[in-house]
Amino acid sequence: MLDAPRMATGSFRRSFLYPGLHMKAMRDDERLEALLRVLDDLVEASRSSPVLVEGDRDVVALRSLGVEGEVLVINRGVSLVQLADEVARHHRAVVLLTDWDRKGGILARRLRELLEILSVRVDIDIRRRLARLSHGEVRTVEALPALYSNAVRRTVPGIRPDRGAWPK
């Protein structure tokens, strides 16, 4: 029988499928605090750089979490080359926030390569941090509000975080 680490390929996949292998288990309150830090960083980064997401539902999710800056949709009927060219004409830096599934990883890698060729600084740190914190609970950007709500619900009994927007 194969052990768990040998079944997965690539360090990201191992850490995604088996988070305990590369990351110390976090208590619920530590996880909520880390999630709040990442979301605060995302909100702050969106003030100076656009956030690139896969679809319209991702935009709605980010707005519900307090992201007020520019959010650009990747899947809008233009090629990645055209999108990268358009982004490069208007921006010097972007935050790339695709889903944490196979398609999202491929899309992030390809778009990052194209944008960096065009001298655009691509921030993927927030995407990586959110993937680690999700522990497989969510795999999409549109599910981030649920991740936040669940983290609050587990940490603060009696709170209903799904009512209203992200706390400012």
Protein backbone atom coordinates (compact mmCIF):
# COMPACT_ATOMS: atom_id res chain seq x y z
CA MET A 1 0.00 0.00 0.00
CA LEU A 2 1.28 3.46 -0.88
CA ASP A 3 1.61 5.97 1.90
CA ALA A 4 -0.14 9.34 1.53
CA PRO A 5 2.90 11.47 0.56
CA ARG A 6 3.82 9.19 -2.35
CA MET A 7 0.33 9.22 -3.81
CA ALA A 8 0.33 12.98 -4.39
CA THR A 9 2.67 14.69 -6.79
CA GLY A 10 4.21 18.13 -6.30
CA SER A 11 4.68 19.94 -3.03
CA PHE A 12 1.59 22.15 -3.52
CA ARG A 13 -0.62 19.16 -4.14
CA ARG A 14 0.82 17.35 -1.12
CA SER A 15 0.22 20.34 1.12
CA PHE A 16 -3.27 20.80 -0.35
CA LEU A 17 -4.32 17.17 0.03
CA TYR A 18 -2.42 16.49 3.24
CA PRO A 19 -2.05 19.84 5.01
CA GLY A 20 -0.54 18.27 8.13
CA LEU A 21 2.56 17.19 6.20
CA HIS A 22 3.94 20.68 5.64
CA MET A 23 2.06 22.85 8.05
CA LYS A 24 1.51 22.65 11.77
CA ALA A 25 -2.15 22.18 12.62
CA MET A 26 -3.74 25.48 13.55
CA ARG A 27 -6.33 26.04 16.22
CA ASP A 28 -9.57 27.62 15.00
CA ASP A 29 -8.72 30.99 16.53
CA GLU A 30 -5.24 30.97 14.95
CA ARG A 31 -6.73 30.06 11.60
CA LEU A 32 -9.30 32.86 11.82
CA GLU A 33 -6.59 35.35 12.77
CA ALA A 34 -4.40 34.23 9.84
CA LEU A 35 -7.39 34.39 7.48
CA LEU A 36 -8.21 37.92 8.64
CA ARG A 37 -4.58 38.97 8.02
CA VAL A 38 -4.65 37.57 4.48
CA LEU A 39 -8.01 39.17 3.72
CA ASP A 40 -6.78 42.49 5.12
CA ASP A 41 -3.71 42.20 2.90
CA LEU A 42 -5.98 41.50 -0.07
CA VAL A 43 -8.14 44.53 0.66
CA GLU A 44 -5.03 46.70 1.04
CA ALA A 45 -3.40 45.35 -2.14
CA SER A 46 -6.58 45.96 -4.13
CA ARG A 47 -6.34 49.67 -3.38
CA SER A 48 -3.22 50.01 -5.52
CA SER A 49 -3.37 47.02 -7.91
CA PRO A 50 -6.27 45.30 -9.64
CA VAL A 51 -7.19 41.78 -8.57
CA LEU A 52 -7.55 39.24 -11.39
CA VAL A 53 -10.20 36.57 -10.80
CA GLU A 54 -11.74 33.88 -12.99
CA GLY A 55 -15.41 34.89 -13.08
CA ASP A 56 -18.21 37.24 -12.07
CA ARG A 57 -19.12 35.23 -8.96
CA ASP A 58 -15.56 35.71 -7.74
CA VAL A 59 -16.05 39.48 -8.04
CA VAL A 60 -19.23 39.28 -5.95
CA ALA A 61 -17.43 37.21 -3.31
CA LEU A 62 -14.54 39.68 -3.07
CA ARG A 63 -16.93 42.63 -2.81
CA SER A 64 -18.72 40.88 0.07
CA LEU A 65 -15.35 40.56 1.82
CA GLY A 66 -14.64 44.28 1.53
CA VAL A 67 -12.47 44.45 -1.60
CA GLU A 68 -13.31 47.86 -3.02
CA GLY A 69 -10.52 48.22 -5.58
CA GLU A 70 -10.56 47.22 -9.22
CA VAL A 71 -11.34 43.54 -9.86
CA LEU A 72 -10.82 42.23 -13.39
CA VAL A 73 -12.43 39.06 -14.74
CA ILE A 74 -10.14 36.71 -16.67
CA ASN A 75 -12.85 34.62 -18.38
CA ARG A 76 -14.58 37.26 -20.46
CA GLY A 77 -14.18 36.01 -24.01
CA VAL A 78 -10.69 37.29 -24.85
CA SER A 79 -7.51 35.27 -25.06
CA LEU A 80 -5.00 35.30 -22.22
CA VAL A 81 -2.52 37.08 -24.49
CA GLN A 82 -5.04 39.86 -25.21
CA LEU A 83 -5.94 40.11 -21.53
CA ALA A 84 -2.29 40.30 -20.49
CA ASP A 85 -1.62 42.98 -23.11
CA GLU A 86 -4.59 45.04 -21.93
CA VAL A 87 -3.60 44.72 -18.28
CA ALA A 88 0.02 45.66 -19.08
CA ARG A 89 -1.12 48.83 -20.87
CA HIS A 90 -2.95 50.09 -17.79
CA HIS A 91 -1.21 48.56 -14.76
CA ARG A 92 2.30 47.96 -13.43
CA ALA A 93 1.25 45.36 -10.83
CA VAL A 94 -1.66 42.94 -10.27
CA VAL A 95 -2.86 40.49 -7.65
CA LEU A 96 -3.60 37.11 -9.22
CA LEU A 97 -6.37 35.23 -7.42
CA THR A 98 -7.52 32.18 -9.37
CA ASP A 99 -9.18 29.10 -7.90
CA TRP A 100 -7.13 26.40 -6.17
CA ASP A 101 -8.12 23.63 -8.54
CA ARG A 102 -6.12 22.27 -11.47
CA LYS A 103 -7.62 24.72 -13.98
CA GLY A 104 -6.97 27.66 -11.67
CA GLY A 105 -3.35 26.61 -11.19
CA ILE A 106 -2.75 26.30 -14.92
CA LEU A 107 -4.45 29.64 -15.55
CA ALA A 108 -2.41 31.35 -12.82
CA ARG A 109 0.86 29.96 -14.13
CA ARG A 110 0.17 30.92 -17.77
CA LEU A 111 -1.14 34.40 -16.94
CA ARG A 112 1.77 35.06 -14.61
CA GLU A 113 4.25 34.14 -17.35
CA LEU A 114 2.53 36.42 -19.87
CA LEU A 115 2.28 39.38 -17.50
CA GLU A 116 5.88 39.09 -16.31
CA ILE A 117 7.08 39.09 -19.94
CA LEU A 118 5.23 42.41 -20.25
CA SER A 119 6.97 43.74 -17.10
CA VAL A 120 3.91 43.56 -14.87
CA ARG A 121 4.63 42.56 -11.25
CA VAL A 122 2.34 39.64 -10.33
CA ASP A 123 1.47 39.03 -6.68
CA ILE A 124 0.51 35.38 -6.12
CA ASP A 125 1.38 35.35 -2.42
CA ILE A 126 -2.22 36.03 -1.35
CA ARG A 127 -3.43 33.13 -3.53
CA ARG A 128 -0.86 30.81 -1.94
CA ARG A 129 -1.69 31.89 1.59
CA LEU A 130 -5.43 31.42 1.03
CA ALA A 131 -4.85 27.97 -0.47
CA ARG A 132 -2.88 26.95 2.62
CA LEU A 133 -5.48 28.34 5.02
CA SER A 134 -8.42 26.71 3.25
CA HIS A 135 -7.08 23.21 4.10
CA GLY A 136 -9.20 21.86 1.25
CA GLU A 137 -12.38 23.29 2.79
CA VAL A 138 -12.87 25.52 -0.24
CA ARG A 139 -11.30 25.38 -3.68
CA THR A 140 -12.74 28.50 -5.29
CA VAL A 141 -12.55 32.24 -4.78
CA GLU A 142 -16.34 32.44 -4.75
CA ALA A 143 -16.36 30.22 -1.64
CA LEU A 144 -14.10 32.55 0.39
CA PRO A 145 -17.06 34.20 2.19
CA ALA A 146 -18.14 30.72 3.34
CA LEU A 147 -14.60 30.00 4.55
CA TYR A 148 -14.64 33.22 6.53
CA SER A 149 -18.13 32.54 7.93
CA ASN A 150 -17.20 29.00 8.96
CA ALA A 151 -13.99 30.18 10.63
CA VAL A 152 -15.90 32.80 12.62
CA ARG A 153 -18.66 30.34 13.52
CA ARG A 154 -16.12 27.80 14.83
CA THR A 155 -14.21 30.43 16.80
CA VAL A 156 -16.95 32.68 18.18
CA PRO A 157 -20.05 30.73 19.29
CA GLY A 158 -23.37 32.41 18.61
CA ILE A 159 -22.07 34.69 15.82
CA ARG A 160 -23.83 34.72 12.45
CA PRO A 161 -21.17 36.18 10.14
CA ASP A 162 -23.18 35.43 7.01
CA ARG A 163 -25.41 38.41 7.76
CA GLY A 164 -23.91 41.60 6.38
CA ALA A 165 -20.60 42.48 4.84
CA TRP A 166 -16.99 42.04 5.85
CA PRO A 167 -16.21 43.98 9.05
CA LYS A 168 -14.34 47.19 8.32
